[in-house]
Amino acid sequence: MSFSFVYVRDLEPSGPAALSGEVEKGDQLCELKPVVDEEAGTAAEPINLVGASFDSVMQAFAGLDRTVVDVDLVFFGGTKDELKAACAGGEAGGSATSGDPETITVTVIQNKGGDDETVRTLTAKPGVNLRELLVENGINVYRSVARWTNCEGRQLCGTCIVNVVDGSINTNRKSMDEESTLRENPDTYRLSCVAFAYGDCTVETFPPISAAQWTR
């Protein structure tokens, strides 16, 4: 799940959130702030989650320091459109904020470091599949004979590898299968057939890959 604007889907009837009366179903998640020991002189910056995808929210939690045991969450008591309007300072149903873009930009670096290095900028709707976007725009993501022998996006061949060099937080999390396939490569490497972009990002085609990737 990587849809933007995470909200409260349901509440445990006997749970502290429901009993507090301060959180209701449908409330939009806006901010996360780690609870730290202020007496010790430490401080924590709040993390803006307005319009963030589900994966981005999970990454925000996963990225907290191990010493953090409590967090403060800020919710907006209204609908997604009402929150967007509040952020924009207008009426509900008005123009979208930057947290919920109508289009995103995917910058593609081809043949990085070579004499024929090129950079292309593509626009797409949030949630676009990277492989489909690149292929539809005439950008090859396959090496050598894999260009003709690939699995056509079924996550079977493991050959459509790209490097998300910037904006990886705006993509979906890797599945266990993808993690396993790319286990010998940097964390930013993705199988483009199962990588979806929900915000601006930069990808590099044909990133350096060890020989072991092709001999499993």
N, C-alpha and C. Protein backbone atom coordinates (compact mmCIF):
# COMPACT_ATOMS: atom_id res chain seq x y z
N MET A 1 0.84 -1.20 0.00
CA MET A 1 0.00 0.00 0.00
C MET A 1 0.88 1.25 0.00
N SER A 2 0.73 2.07 -1.03
CA SER A 2 1.54 3.27 -1.11
C SER A 2 0.70 4.48 -1.45
N PHE A 3 -0.60 4.43 -1.16
CA PHE A 3 -1.46 5.56 -1.45
C PHE A 3 -1.12 6.73 -0.54
N SER A 4 -1.26 7.93 -1.07
CA SER A 4 -0.91 9.12 -0.29
C SER A 4 -2.04 9.48 0.68
N PHE A 5 -1.68 10.31 1.65
CA PHE A 5 -2.59 10.77 2.71
C PHE A 5 -3.07 9.59 3.56
N VAL A 6 -2.23 9.21 4.50
CA VAL A 6 -2.56 8.12 5.41
C VAL A 6 -3.58 8.61 6.43
N TYR A 7 -4.59 7.82 6.69
CA TYR A 7 -5.66 8.22 7.61
C TYR A 7 -6.02 7.08 8.55
N VAL A 8 -6.80 7.43 9.56
CA VAL A 8 -7.25 6.43 10.54
C VAL A 8 -8.39 5.63 9.93
N ARG A 9 -8.13 4.37 9.66
CA ARG A 9 -9.14 3.54 9.03
C ARG A 9 -10.15 3.01 10.04
N ASP A 10 -9.66 2.70 11.24
CA ASP A 10 -10.56 2.19 12.28
C ASP A 10 -9.89 2.36 13.63
N LEU A 11 -10.67 2.22 14.70
CA LEU A 11 -10.16 2.35 16.06
C LEU A 11 -10.59 1.15 16.89
N GLU A 12 -9.70 0.69 17.75
CA GLU A 12 -10.05 -0.35 18.71
C GLU A 12 -11.00 0.26 19.73
N PRO A 13 -12.24 -0.23 19.83
CA PRO A 13 -13.24 0.39 20.69
C PRO A 13 -12.79 0.63 22.13
N SER A 14 -12.02 -0.31 22.67
CA SER A 14 -11.58 -0.18 24.06
C SER A 14 -10.14 0.33 24.17
N GLY A 15 -9.58 0.77 23.05
CA GLY A 15 -8.21 1.24 23.05
C GLY A 15 -8.09 2.66 23.55
N PRO A 16 -6.89 3.08 23.94
CA PRO A 16 -6.69 4.44 24.47
C PRO A 16 -7.03 5.54 23.49
N ALA A 17 -6.81 5.31 22.20
CA ALA A 17 -7.11 6.35 21.20
C ALA A 17 -8.61 6.64 21.16
N ALA A 18 -9.41 5.56 21.12
CA ALA A 18 -10.86 5.73 21.08
C ALA A 18 -11.38 6.32 22.39
N LEU A 19 -10.84 5.85 23.51
CA LEU A 19 -11.30 6.33 24.80
C LEU A 19 -10.92 7.79 25.05
N SER A 20 -9.88 8.26 24.40
CA SER A 20 -9.46 9.65 24.60
C SER A 20 -10.43 10.63 23.96
N GLY A 21 -11.12 10.17 22.92
CA GLY A 21 -12.05 11.05 22.23
C GLY A 21 -11.37 12.07 21.34
N GLU A 22 -10.05 11.98 21.21
CA GLU A 22 -9.29 12.96 20.43
C GLU A 22 -8.99 12.49 19.01
N VAL A 23 -9.22 11.21 18.75
CA VAL A 23 -8.96 10.67 17.42
C VAL A 23 -10.22 9.97 16.93
N GLU A 24 -10.54 10.19 15.65
CA GLU A 24 -11.72 9.58 15.07
C GLU A 24 -11.38 8.92 13.74
N LYS A 25 -12.23 7.99 13.34
CA LYS A 25 -12.05 7.36 12.04
C LYS A 25 -12.07 8.43 10.94
N GLY A 26 -11.16 8.31 10.00
CA GLY A 26 -11.10 9.25 8.90
C GLY A 26 -10.13 10.39 9.11
N ASP A 27 -9.64 10.57 10.35
CA ASP A 27 -8.67 11.64 10.61
C ASP A 27 -7.40 11.40 9.80
N GLN A 28 -6.82 12.49 9.28
CA GLN A 28 -5.64 12.41 8.44
C GLN A 28 -4.36 12.58 9.28
N LEU A 29 -3.39 11.71 9.04
CA LEU A 29 -2.10 11.80 9.74
C LEU A 29 -1.29 12.95 9.15
N CYS A 30 -0.81 13.85 10.01
CA CYS A 30 -0.10 15.04 9.53
C CYS A 30 1.37 15.10 9.97
N GLU A 31 1.67 14.60 11.15
CA GLU A 31 3.02 14.81 11.68
C GLU A 31 3.39 13.74 12.69
N LEU A 32 4.66 13.41 12.71
CA LEU A 32 5.22 12.49 13.69
C LEU A 32 6.38 13.20 14.38
N LYS A 33 6.40 13.13 15.71
CA LYS A 33 7.49 13.75 16.46
C LYS A 33 7.95 12.80 17.55
N PRO A 34 9.23 12.41 17.51
CA PRO A 34 9.75 11.54 18.56
C PRO A 34 9.72 12.24 19.92
N VAL A 35 9.36 11.51 20.95
CA VAL A 35 9.39 12.03 22.31
C VAL A 35 10.78 11.76 22.87
N VAL A 36 11.48 12.85 23.21
CA VAL A 36 12.86 12.72 23.69
C VAL A 36 13.00 13.35 25.05
N ASP A 37 14.14 13.12 25.66
CA ASP A 37 14.43 13.66 26.99
C ASP A 37 14.94 15.08 26.86
N GLU A 38 14.04 16.05 27.02
CA GLU A 38 14.43 17.45 26.88
C GLU A 38 15.39 17.88 27.97
N GLU A 39 15.30 17.27 29.15
CA GLU A 39 16.20 17.62 30.25
C GLU A 39 17.64 17.25 29.92
N ALA A 40 17.80 16.25 29.07
CA ALA A 40 19.14 15.82 28.69
C ALA A 40 19.72 16.71 27.59
N GLY A 41 18.92 17.67 27.15
CA GLY A 41 19.40 18.59 26.14
C GLY A 41 19.22 18.10 24.72
N THR A 42 18.50 16.99 24.53
CA THR A 42 18.27 16.48 23.18
C THR A 42 17.01 17.09 22.61
N ALA A 43 16.94 17.13 21.31
CA ALA A 43 15.78 17.71 20.63
C ALA A 43 15.42 16.84 19.44
N ALA A 44 14.19 16.89 19.05
CA ALA A 44 13.73 16.09 17.91
C ALA A 44 12.91 16.97 16.98
N GLU A 45 13.22 16.90 15.71
CA GLU A 45 12.47 17.66 14.72
C GLU A 45 11.23 16.86 14.31
N PRO A 46 10.09 17.51 14.21
CA PRO A 46 8.89 16.81 13.75
C PRO A 46 9.04 16.42 12.29
N ILE A 47 8.43 15.32 11.91
CA ILE A 47 8.47 14.83 10.53
C ILE A 47 7.12 15.11 9.89
N ASN A 48 7.13 15.92 8.85
CA ASN A 48 5.90 16.28 8.14
C ASN A 48 5.41 15.09 7.32
N LEU A 49 4.19 14.64 7.57
CA LEU A 49 3.63 13.49 6.86
C LEU A 49 2.39 13.85 6.07
N VAL A 50 2.11 15.13 5.90
CA VAL A 50 0.94 15.54 5.12
C VAL A 50 1.12 15.10 3.68
N GLY A 51 0.21 14.29 3.19
CA GLY A 51 0.27 13.83 1.81
C GLY A 51 1.24 12.71 1.57
N ALA A 52 1.93 12.23 2.62
CA ALA A 52 2.92 11.17 2.45
C ALA A 52 2.24 9.85 2.10
N SER A 53 2.98 8.99 1.41
CA SER A 53 2.46 7.66 1.09
C SER A 53 2.56 6.76 2.31
N PHE A 54 1.84 5.65 2.28
CA PHE A 54 1.90 4.69 3.39
C PHE A 54 3.33 4.21 3.60
N ASP A 55 4.04 3.93 2.50
CA ASP A 55 5.42 3.47 2.61
C ASP A 55 6.31 4.52 3.25
N SER A 56 6.10 5.80 2.89
CA SER A 56 6.91 6.88 3.47
C SER A 56 6.66 6.99 4.97
N VAL A 57 5.41 6.81 5.39
CA VAL A 57 5.09 6.86 6.81
C VAL A 57 5.79 5.72 7.55
N MET A 58 5.75 4.53 6.97
CA MET A 58 6.41 3.39 7.59
C MET A 58 7.92 3.60 7.66
N GLN A 59 8.49 4.21 6.63
CA GLN A 59 9.93 4.50 6.64
C GLN A 59 10.27 5.54 7.70
N ALA A 60 9.35 6.48 7.93
CA ALA A 60 9.58 7.49 8.97
C ALA A 60 9.65 6.82 10.34
N PHE A 61 8.78 5.86 10.58
CA PHE A 61 8.82 5.12 11.85
C PHE A 61 10.09 4.27 11.93
N ALA A 62 10.41 3.58 10.83
CA ALA A 62 11.56 2.70 10.83
C ALA A 62 12.87 3.46 10.98
N GLY A 63 12.88 4.73 10.57
CA GLY A 63 14.10 5.51 10.62
C GLY A 63 14.36 6.19 11.95
N LEU A 64 13.48 6.00 12.92
CA LEU A 64 13.67 6.61 14.24
C LEU A 64 14.85 5.98 14.97
N ASP A 65 15.49 6.76 15.79
CA ASP A 65 16.60 6.25 16.59
C ASP A 65 16.10 5.14 17.51
N ARG A 66 16.97 4.18 17.79
CA ARG A 66 16.58 3.05 18.63
C ARG A 66 16.20 3.46 20.05
N THR A 67 16.67 4.62 20.46
CA THR A 67 16.36 5.07 21.82
C THR A 67 14.96 5.64 21.93
N VAL A 68 14.32 5.89 20.82
CA VAL A 68 12.96 6.46 20.84
C VAL A 68 11.95 5.36 21.13
N VAL A 69 11.19 5.54 22.19
CA VAL A 69 10.17 4.55 22.55
C VAL A 69 8.76 5.12 22.46
N ASP A 70 8.64 6.45 22.43
CA ASP A 70 7.33 7.08 22.32
C ASP A 70 7.37 8.14 21.23
N VAL A 71 6.24 8.33 20.56
CA VAL A 71 6.13 9.37 19.54
C VAL A 71 4.81 10.11 19.72
N ASP A 72 4.81 11.37 19.35
CA ASP A 72 3.57 12.16 19.30
C ASP A 72 3.10 12.20 17.86
N LEU A 73 1.83 11.92 17.65
CA LEU A 73 1.24 11.97 16.32
C LEU A 73 0.23 13.09 16.25
N VAL A 74 0.26 13.84 15.17
CA VAL A 74 -0.69 14.93 14.97
C VAL A 74 -1.65 14.53 13.85
N PHE A 75 -2.93 14.61 14.13
CA PHE A 75 -3.95 14.26 13.15
C PHE A 75 -4.79 15.49 12.79
N PHE A 76 -5.35 15.46 11.59
CA PHE A 76 -6.29 16.50 11.16
C PHE A 76 -7.69 15.91 11.17
N GLY A 77 -8.59 16.53 11.91
CA GLY A 77 -9.95 16.00 12.04
C GLY A 77 -10.83 16.36 10.87
N GLY A 78 -10.53 15.82 9.72
CA GLY A 78 -11.34 16.10 8.53
C GLY A 78 -10.93 15.18 7.40
N THR A 79 -11.51 15.43 6.23
CA THR A 79 -11.24 14.59 5.08
C THR A 79 -9.95 15.01 4.38
N LYS A 80 -9.54 14.21 3.43
CA LYS A 80 -8.34 14.50 2.65
C LYS A 80 -8.50 15.84 1.92
N ASP A 81 -9.65 16.06 1.29
CA ASP A 81 -9.86 17.31 0.56
C ASP A 81 -9.86 18.51 1.50
N GLU A 82 -10.42 18.33 2.70
CA GLU A 82 -10.42 19.43 3.67
C GLU A 82 -9.01 19.74 4.15
N LEU A 83 -8.19 18.70 4.31
CA LEU A 83 -6.81 18.93 4.70
C LEU A 83 -6.04 19.64 3.60
N LYS A 84 -6.23 19.22 2.37
CA LYS A 84 -5.57 19.87 1.24
C LYS A 84 -5.97 21.34 1.16
N ALA A 85 -7.26 21.60 1.39
CA ALA A 85 -7.73 22.99 1.34
C ALA A 85 -7.13 23.80 2.48
N ALA A 86 -7.03 23.18 3.65
CA ALA A 86 -6.45 23.88 4.80
C ALA A 86 -4.99 24.22 4.54
N CYS A 87 -4.27 23.30 3.92
CA CYS A 87 -2.85 23.54 3.62
C CYS A 87 -2.70 24.64 2.57
N ALA A 88 -3.66 24.69 1.65
CA ALA A 88 -3.59 25.68 0.59
C ALA A 88 -4.21 27.01 1.00
N GLY A 89 -4.88 27.01 2.16
CA GLY A 89 -5.53 28.23 2.62
C GLY A 89 -6.77 28.57 1.84
N GLY A 90 -7.43 27.52 1.28
CA GLY A 90 -8.61 27.77 0.48
C GLY A 90 -9.76 26.88 0.89
N GLU A 91 -10.75 26.75 -0.02
CA GLU A 91 -11.93 25.95 0.24
C GLU A 91 -11.66 24.51 -0.17
N ALA A 92 -12.40 23.58 0.46
CA ALA A 92 -12.30 22.18 0.07
C ALA A 92 -12.67 22.03 -1.39
N GLY A 93 -11.93 21.18 -2.08
CA GLY A 93 -12.18 20.99 -3.50
C GLY A 93 -11.33 21.90 -4.35
N GLY A 94 -10.48 22.72 -3.73
CA GLY A 94 -9.61 23.63 -4.46
C GLY A 94 -8.42 22.89 -5.03
N SER A 95 -7.39 23.64 -5.43
CA SER A 95 -6.24 23.03 -6.06
C SER A 95 -5.46 22.19 -5.06
N ALA A 96 -4.80 21.18 -5.57
CA ALA A 96 -4.03 20.27 -4.72
C ALA A 96 -2.76 20.93 -4.25
N THR A 97 -2.31 20.51 -3.06
CA THR A 97 -1.05 21.01 -2.55
C THR A 97 0.08 20.17 -3.10
N SER A 98 1.31 20.57 -2.78
CA SER A 98 2.46 19.82 -3.25
C SER A 98 2.51 18.44 -2.62
N GLY A 99 1.74 18.22 -1.54
CA GLY A 99 1.73 16.92 -0.91
C GLY A 99 0.97 15.89 -1.71
N ASP A 100 0.15 16.31 -2.64
CA ASP A 100 -0.65 15.40 -3.46
C ASP A 100 -0.56 15.85 -4.91
N PRO A 101 0.58 15.70 -5.56
CA PRO A 101 0.76 16.23 -6.91
C PRO A 101 -0.07 15.50 -7.94
N GLU A 102 -0.52 16.22 -8.95
CA GLU A 102 -1.25 15.60 -10.05
C GLU A 102 -0.28 14.88 -10.97
N THR A 103 0.94 15.37 -11.07
CA THR A 103 1.97 14.70 -11.84
C THR A 103 3.28 14.72 -11.06
N ILE A 104 4.14 13.78 -11.38
CA ILE A 104 5.47 13.73 -10.77
C ILE A 104 6.52 13.76 -11.88
N THR A 105 7.76 14.01 -11.49
CA THR A 105 8.86 14.06 -12.45
C THR A 105 9.83 12.92 -12.16
N VAL A 106 10.11 12.15 -13.18
CA VAL A 106 11.11 11.08 -13.08
C VAL A 106 12.27 11.44 -14.00
N THR A 107 13.41 11.74 -13.41
CA THR A 107 14.61 12.08 -14.17
C THR A 107 15.39 10.80 -14.43
N VAL A 108 15.73 10.56 -15.68
CA VAL A 108 16.40 9.31 -16.07
C VAL A 108 17.79 9.61 -16.60
N ILE A 109 18.80 9.00 -15.98
CA ILE A 109 20.19 9.14 -16.42
C ILE A 109 20.57 7.87 -17.17
N GLN A 110 20.92 8.04 -18.44
CA GLN A 110 21.31 6.90 -19.28
C GLN A 110 22.82 6.94 -19.56
N ASN A 111 23.44 5.77 -19.49
CA ASN A 111 24.86 5.64 -19.80
C ASN A 111 25.71 6.60 -18.97
N LYS A 112 25.47 6.60 -17.66
CA LYS A 112 26.18 7.51 -16.77
C LYS A 112 27.69 7.34 -16.86
N GLY A 113 28.39 8.45 -17.00
CA GLY A 113 29.84 8.44 -17.08
C GLY A 113 30.40 8.20 -18.46
N GLY A 114 29.54 7.84 -19.41
CA GLY A 114 30.01 7.58 -20.78
C GLY A 114 29.96 8.83 -21.64
N ASP A 115 30.57 8.75 -22.80
CA ASP A 115 30.57 9.88 -23.72
C ASP A 115 29.17 10.20 -24.21
N ASP A 116 28.31 9.19 -24.20
CA ASP A 116 26.94 9.38 -24.69
C ASP A 116 25.92 9.49 -23.54
N GLU A 117 26.40 9.92 -22.37
CA GLU A 117 25.49 10.08 -21.24
C GLU A 117 24.39 11.08 -21.58
N THR A 118 23.17 10.71 -21.28
CA THR A 118 22.02 11.59 -21.53
C THR A 118 21.13 11.62 -20.30
N VAL A 119 20.44 12.72 -20.14
CA VAL A 119 19.49 12.89 -19.05
C VAL A 119 18.14 13.27 -19.64
N ARG A 120 17.12 12.50 -19.30
CA ARG A 120 15.78 12.79 -19.78
C ARG A 120 14.84 13.02 -18.60
N THR A 121 13.91 13.90 -18.79
CA THR A 121 12.93 14.20 -17.74
C THR A 121 11.55 13.77 -18.22
N LEU A 122 10.94 12.86 -17.47
CA LEU A 122 9.62 12.34 -17.82
C LEU A 122 8.60 12.77 -16.78
N THR A 123 7.39 13.02 -17.20
CA THR A 123 6.31 13.34 -16.27
C THR A 123 5.30 12.19 -16.30
N ALA A 124 4.73 11.93 -15.15
CA ALA A 124 3.78 10.82 -15.04
C ALA A 124 2.85 11.07 -13.86
N LYS A 125 1.85 10.23 -13.74
CA LYS A 125 0.95 10.31 -12.61
C LYS A 125 1.56 9.59 -11.41
N PRO A 126 1.29 10.04 -10.20
CA PRO A 126 1.80 9.34 -9.01
C PRO A 126 1.37 7.87 -9.02
N GLY A 127 2.29 6.99 -8.64
CA GLY A 127 1.98 5.58 -8.63
C GLY A 127 2.41 4.87 -9.91
N VAL A 128 3.14 5.57 -10.77
CA VAL A 128 3.55 4.99 -12.04
C VAL A 128 4.57 3.88 -11.82
N ASN A 129 4.48 2.83 -12.61
CA ASN A 129 5.46 1.75 -12.59
C ASN A 129 6.68 2.19 -13.39
N LEU A 130 7.87 2.09 -12.78
CA LEU A 130 9.07 2.62 -13.43
C LEU A 130 9.40 1.90 -14.73
N ARG A 131 9.29 0.59 -14.74
CA ARG A 131 9.60 -0.15 -15.97
C ARG A 131 8.68 0.28 -17.10
N GLU A 132 7.39 0.34 -16.82
CA GLU A 132 6.44 0.71 -17.86
C GLU A 132 6.70 2.13 -18.36
N LEU A 133 7.00 3.04 -17.44
CA LEU A 133 7.25 4.42 -17.83
C LEU A 133 8.47 4.52 -18.75
N LEU A 134 9.55 3.84 -18.36
CA LEU A 134 10.77 3.91 -19.16
C LEU A 134 10.59 3.25 -20.52
N VAL A 135 10.02 2.06 -20.53
CA VAL A 135 9.85 1.34 -21.79
C VAL A 135 8.93 2.10 -22.74
N GLU A 136 7.85 2.65 -22.20
CA GLU A 136 6.91 3.40 -23.03
C GLU A 136 7.55 4.64 -23.65
N ASN A 137 8.62 5.12 -23.02
CA ASN A 137 9.32 6.29 -23.54
C ASN A 137 10.60 5.91 -24.28
N GLY A 138 10.69 4.65 -24.68
CA GLY A 138 11.81 4.21 -25.50
C GLY A 138 13.12 4.07 -24.77
N ILE A 139 13.08 3.91 -23.44
CA ILE A 139 14.29 3.77 -22.64
C ILE A 139 14.45 2.30 -22.25
N ASN A 140 15.55 1.69 -22.68
CA ASN A 140 15.79 0.28 -22.42
C ASN A 140 16.31 0.08 -20.99
N VAL A 141 15.75 -0.90 -20.29
CA VAL A 141 16.19 -1.20 -18.92
C VAL A 141 16.88 -2.56 -18.85
N TYR A 142 17.03 -3.20 -20.00
CA TYR A 142 17.61 -4.55 -20.03
C TYR A 142 18.99 -4.56 -20.69
N ARG A 143 19.85 -5.42 -20.19
CA ARG A 143 21.20 -5.56 -20.74
C ARG A 143 21.28 -6.75 -21.70
N SER A 144 22.16 -6.64 -22.66
CA SER A 144 22.53 -7.75 -23.54
C SER A 144 21.28 -8.46 -24.07
N VAL A 145 21.32 -9.81 -24.05
CA VAL A 145 20.22 -10.58 -24.63
C VAL A 145 18.95 -10.48 -23.80
N ALA A 146 19.05 -9.99 -22.55
CA ALA A 146 17.86 -9.86 -21.71
C ALA A 146 16.85 -8.90 -22.33
N ARG A 147 17.33 -8.10 -23.27
CA ARG A 147 16.41 -7.18 -23.94
C ARG A 147 15.34 -7.95 -24.71
N TRP A 148 15.68 -9.18 -25.13
CA TRP A 148 14.73 -9.99 -25.89
C TRP A 148 14.24 -11.20 -25.10
N THR A 149 14.94 -11.55 -24.03
CA THR A 149 14.59 -12.77 -23.29
C THR A 149 14.01 -12.48 -21.91
N ASN A 150 13.68 -11.24 -21.63
CA ASN A 150 13.18 -10.88 -20.30
C ASN A 150 11.77 -11.40 -20.08
N CYS A 151 11.31 -11.30 -18.84
CA CYS A 151 10.00 -11.86 -18.45
C CYS A 151 8.85 -10.88 -18.67
N GLU A 152 9.13 -9.74 -19.28
CA GLU A 152 8.11 -8.74 -19.61
C GLU A 152 7.40 -8.21 -18.36
N GLY A 153 8.19 -7.98 -17.32
CA GLY A 153 7.64 -7.33 -16.13
C GLY A 153 6.96 -8.22 -15.14
N ARG A 154 7.24 -9.51 -15.14
CA ARG A 154 6.58 -10.45 -14.22
C ARG A 154 7.43 -10.75 -12.98
N GLN A 155 8.53 -10.05 -12.79
CA GLN A 155 9.44 -10.24 -11.66
C GLN A 155 9.99 -11.67 -11.61
N LEU A 156 10.35 -12.19 -12.78
CA LEU A 156 10.89 -13.54 -12.85
C LEU A 156 12.36 -13.56 -13.24
N CYS A 157 12.78 -12.61 -14.08
CA CYS A 157 14.14 -12.68 -14.61
C CYS A 157 15.15 -11.87 -13.81
N GLY A 158 14.72 -10.84 -13.10
CA GLY A 158 15.63 -10.03 -12.30
C GLY A 158 16.64 -9.25 -13.10
N THR A 159 16.27 -8.83 -14.31
CA THR A 159 17.23 -8.15 -15.18
C THR A 159 16.90 -6.68 -15.46
N CYS A 160 15.79 -6.18 -14.97
CA CYS A 160 15.40 -4.79 -15.26
C CYS A 160 15.84 -3.85 -14.14
N ILE A 161 17.10 -3.96 -13.76
CA ILE A 161 17.61 -3.25 -12.59
C ILE A 161 17.91 -1.79 -12.89
N VAL A 162 17.45 -0.91 -12.03
CA VAL A 162 17.78 0.51 -12.10
C VAL A 162 18.26 0.96 -10.72
N ASN A 163 18.92 2.09 -10.69
CA ASN A 163 19.40 2.64 -9.43
C ASN A 163 18.63 3.93 -9.16
N VAL A 164 17.86 3.96 -8.07
CA VAL A 164 17.12 5.16 -7.70
C VAL A 164 18.08 6.04 -6.90
N VAL A 165 18.78 6.91 -7.59
CA VAL A 165 19.86 7.68 -6.96
C VAL A 165 19.34 8.85 -6.13
N ASP A 166 18.10 9.23 -6.34
CA ASP A 166 17.52 10.31 -5.56
C ASP A 166 16.01 10.13 -5.49
N GLY A 167 15.43 10.41 -4.33
CA GLY A 167 13.97 10.30 -4.18
C GLY A 167 13.48 8.90 -3.92
N SER A 168 14.34 8.03 -3.39
CA SER A 168 13.91 6.65 -3.14
C SER A 168 12.77 6.58 -2.12
N ILE A 169 12.68 7.59 -1.24
CA ILE A 169 11.60 7.60 -0.26
C ILE A 169 10.25 7.76 -0.93
N ASN A 170 10.25 8.23 -2.18
CA ASN A 170 9.00 8.41 -2.92
C ASN A 170 8.61 7.17 -3.72
N THR A 171 9.29 6.06 -3.45
CA THR A 171 8.94 4.80 -4.10
C THR A 171 8.43 3.80 -3.07
N ASN A 172 7.81 2.73 -3.54
CA ASN A 172 7.30 1.71 -2.63
C ASN A 172 8.44 0.92 -2.01
N ARG A 173 8.17 0.28 -0.88
CA ARG A 173 9.18 -0.54 -0.23
C ARG A 173 9.43 -1.82 -1.02
N LYS A 174 10.64 -2.37 -0.87
CA LYS A 174 10.96 -3.62 -1.53
C LYS A 174 10.23 -4.78 -0.85
N SER A 175 9.82 -5.73 -1.65
CA SER A 175 9.27 -6.95 -1.09
C SER A 175 10.43 -7.85 -0.70
N MET A 176 10.14 -8.94 0.02
CA MET A 176 11.18 -9.87 0.41
C MET A 176 11.83 -10.51 -0.82
N ASP A 177 11.03 -10.78 -1.86
CA ASP A 177 11.56 -11.38 -3.09
C ASP A 177 12.53 -10.42 -3.78
N GLU A 178 12.15 -9.13 -3.84
CA GLU A 178 13.03 -8.15 -4.49
C GLU A 178 14.31 -7.97 -3.69
N GLU A 179 14.18 -7.93 -2.37
CA GLU A 179 15.36 -7.82 -1.50
C GLU A 179 16.31 -8.99 -1.75
N SER A 180 15.75 -10.18 -1.88
CA SER A 180 16.57 -11.37 -2.08
C SER A 180 17.27 -11.32 -3.44
N THR A 181 16.55 -10.93 -4.46
CA THR A 181 17.12 -10.87 -5.81
C THR A 181 18.27 -9.88 -5.88
N LEU A 182 18.15 -8.77 -5.16
CA LEU A 182 19.15 -7.70 -5.24
C LEU A 182 20.07 -7.67 -4.03
N ARG A 183 20.17 -8.75 -3.31
CA ARG A 183 20.86 -8.76 -2.02
C ARG A 183 22.34 -8.39 -2.12
N GLU A 184 22.97 -8.57 -3.27
CA GLU A 184 24.39 -8.26 -3.41
C GLU A 184 24.63 -6.85 -3.95
N ASN A 185 23.58 -6.07 -4.04
CA ASN A 185 23.67 -4.73 -4.62
C ASN A 185 23.29 -3.66 -3.61
N PRO A 186 23.61 -2.40 -3.89
CA PRO A 186 23.25 -1.30 -2.98
C PRO A 186 21.75 -1.23 -2.74
N ASP A 187 21.36 -0.64 -1.62
CA ASP A 187 19.95 -0.56 -1.24
C ASP A 187 19.12 0.24 -2.24
N THR A 188 19.77 1.13 -2.97
CA THR A 188 19.03 1.98 -3.91
C THR A 188 18.71 1.27 -5.22
N TYR A 189 19.25 0.08 -5.42
CA TYR A 189 18.97 -0.68 -6.64
C TYR A 189 17.57 -1.27 -6.55
N ARG A 190 16.83 -1.19 -7.66
CA ARG A 190 15.46 -1.70 -7.70
C ARG A 190 15.23 -2.51 -8.96
N LEU A 191 14.31 -3.45 -8.88
CA LEU A 191 13.77 -4.09 -10.08
C LEU A 191 12.68 -3.15 -10.57
N SER A 192 12.88 -2.56 -11.72
CA SER A 192 11.95 -1.51 -12.17
C SER A 192 10.55 -2.05 -12.41
N CYS A 193 10.41 -3.37 -12.62
CA CYS A 193 9.08 -3.93 -12.89
C CYS A 193 8.19 -3.91 -11.66
N VAL A 194 8.79 -3.83 -10.47
CA VAL A 194 7.98 -3.81 -9.24
C VAL A 194 8.25 -2.55 -8.42
N ALA A 195 8.82 -1.53 -9.07
CA ALA A 195 9.09 -0.26 -8.40
C ALA A 195 8.08 0.77 -8.89
N PHE A 196 7.43 1.44 -7.95
CA PHE A 196 6.42 2.43 -8.27
C PHE A 196 6.81 3.78 -7.65
N ALA A 197 6.67 4.84 -8.42
CA ALA A 197 7.05 6.18 -7.95
C ALA A 197 5.80 6.98 -7.59
N TYR A 198 5.83 7.56 -6.39
CA TYR A 198 4.70 8.37 -5.91
C TYR A 198 5.10 9.83 -5.75
N GLY A 199 6.35 10.14 -6.08
CA GLY A 199 6.85 11.50 -6.02
C GLY A 199 8.07 11.61 -6.92
N ASP A 200 8.64 12.80 -7.01
CA ASP A 200 9.79 13.02 -7.88
C ASP A 200 10.96 12.11 -7.49
N CYS A 201 11.66 11.58 -8.49
CA CYS A 201 12.82 10.75 -8.23
C CYS A 201 13.74 10.77 -9.44
N THR A 202 14.96 10.30 -9.23
CA THR A 202 15.96 10.21 -10.29
C THR A 202 16.45 8.78 -10.36
N VAL A 203 16.43 8.19 -11.55
CA VAL A 203 16.87 6.81 -11.71
C VAL A 203 17.98 6.73 -12.74
N GLU A 204 18.87 5.80 -12.52
CA GLU A 204 19.99 5.55 -13.43
C GLU A 204 19.81 4.17 -14.04
N THR A 205 19.84 4.10 -15.36
CA THR A 205 19.74 2.80 -16.03
C THR A 205 21.13 2.17 -16.15
N PHE A 206 21.16 0.85 -16.22
CA PHE A 206 22.40 0.08 -16.35
C PHE A 206 23.43 0.42 -15.27
N PRO A 207 23.04 0.42 -14.00
CA PRO A 207 24.02 0.68 -12.94
C PRO A 207 25.01 -0.48 -12.85
N PRO A 208 26.20 -0.26 -12.30
CA PRO A 208 27.20 -1.34 -12.19
C PRO A 208 26.66 -2.50 -11.37
N ILE A 209 26.82 -3.71 -11.88
CA ILE A 209 26.32 -4.92 -11.21
C ILE A 209 27.39 -5.99 -11.24
N SER A 210 27.57 -6.69 -10.13
CA SER A 210 28.59 -7.74 -10.06
C SER A 210 28.17 -8.94 -10.89
N ALA A 211 29.15 -9.72 -11.29
CA ALA A 211 28.88 -10.89 -12.13
C ALA A 211 27.97 -11.89 -11.45
N ALA A 212 28.00 -11.93 -10.10
CA ALA A 212 27.17 -12.89 -9.37
C ALA A 212 25.69 -12.67 -9.61
N GLN A 213 25.31 -11.43 -9.97
CA GLN A 213 23.91 -11.14 -10.21
C GLN A 213 23.36 -11.97 -11.37
N TRP A 214 24.22 -12.33 -12.30
CA TRP A 214 23.76 -13.02 -13.49
C TRP A 214 24.05 -14.51 -13.48
N THR A 215 24.61 -15.02 -12.38
CA THR A 215 25.00 -16.42 -12.36
C THR A 215 24.30 -17.23 -11.29
N ARG A 216 23.17 -16.71 -10.77
CA ARG A 216 22.47 -17.46 -9.74
C ARG A 216 21.60 -18.55 -10.35
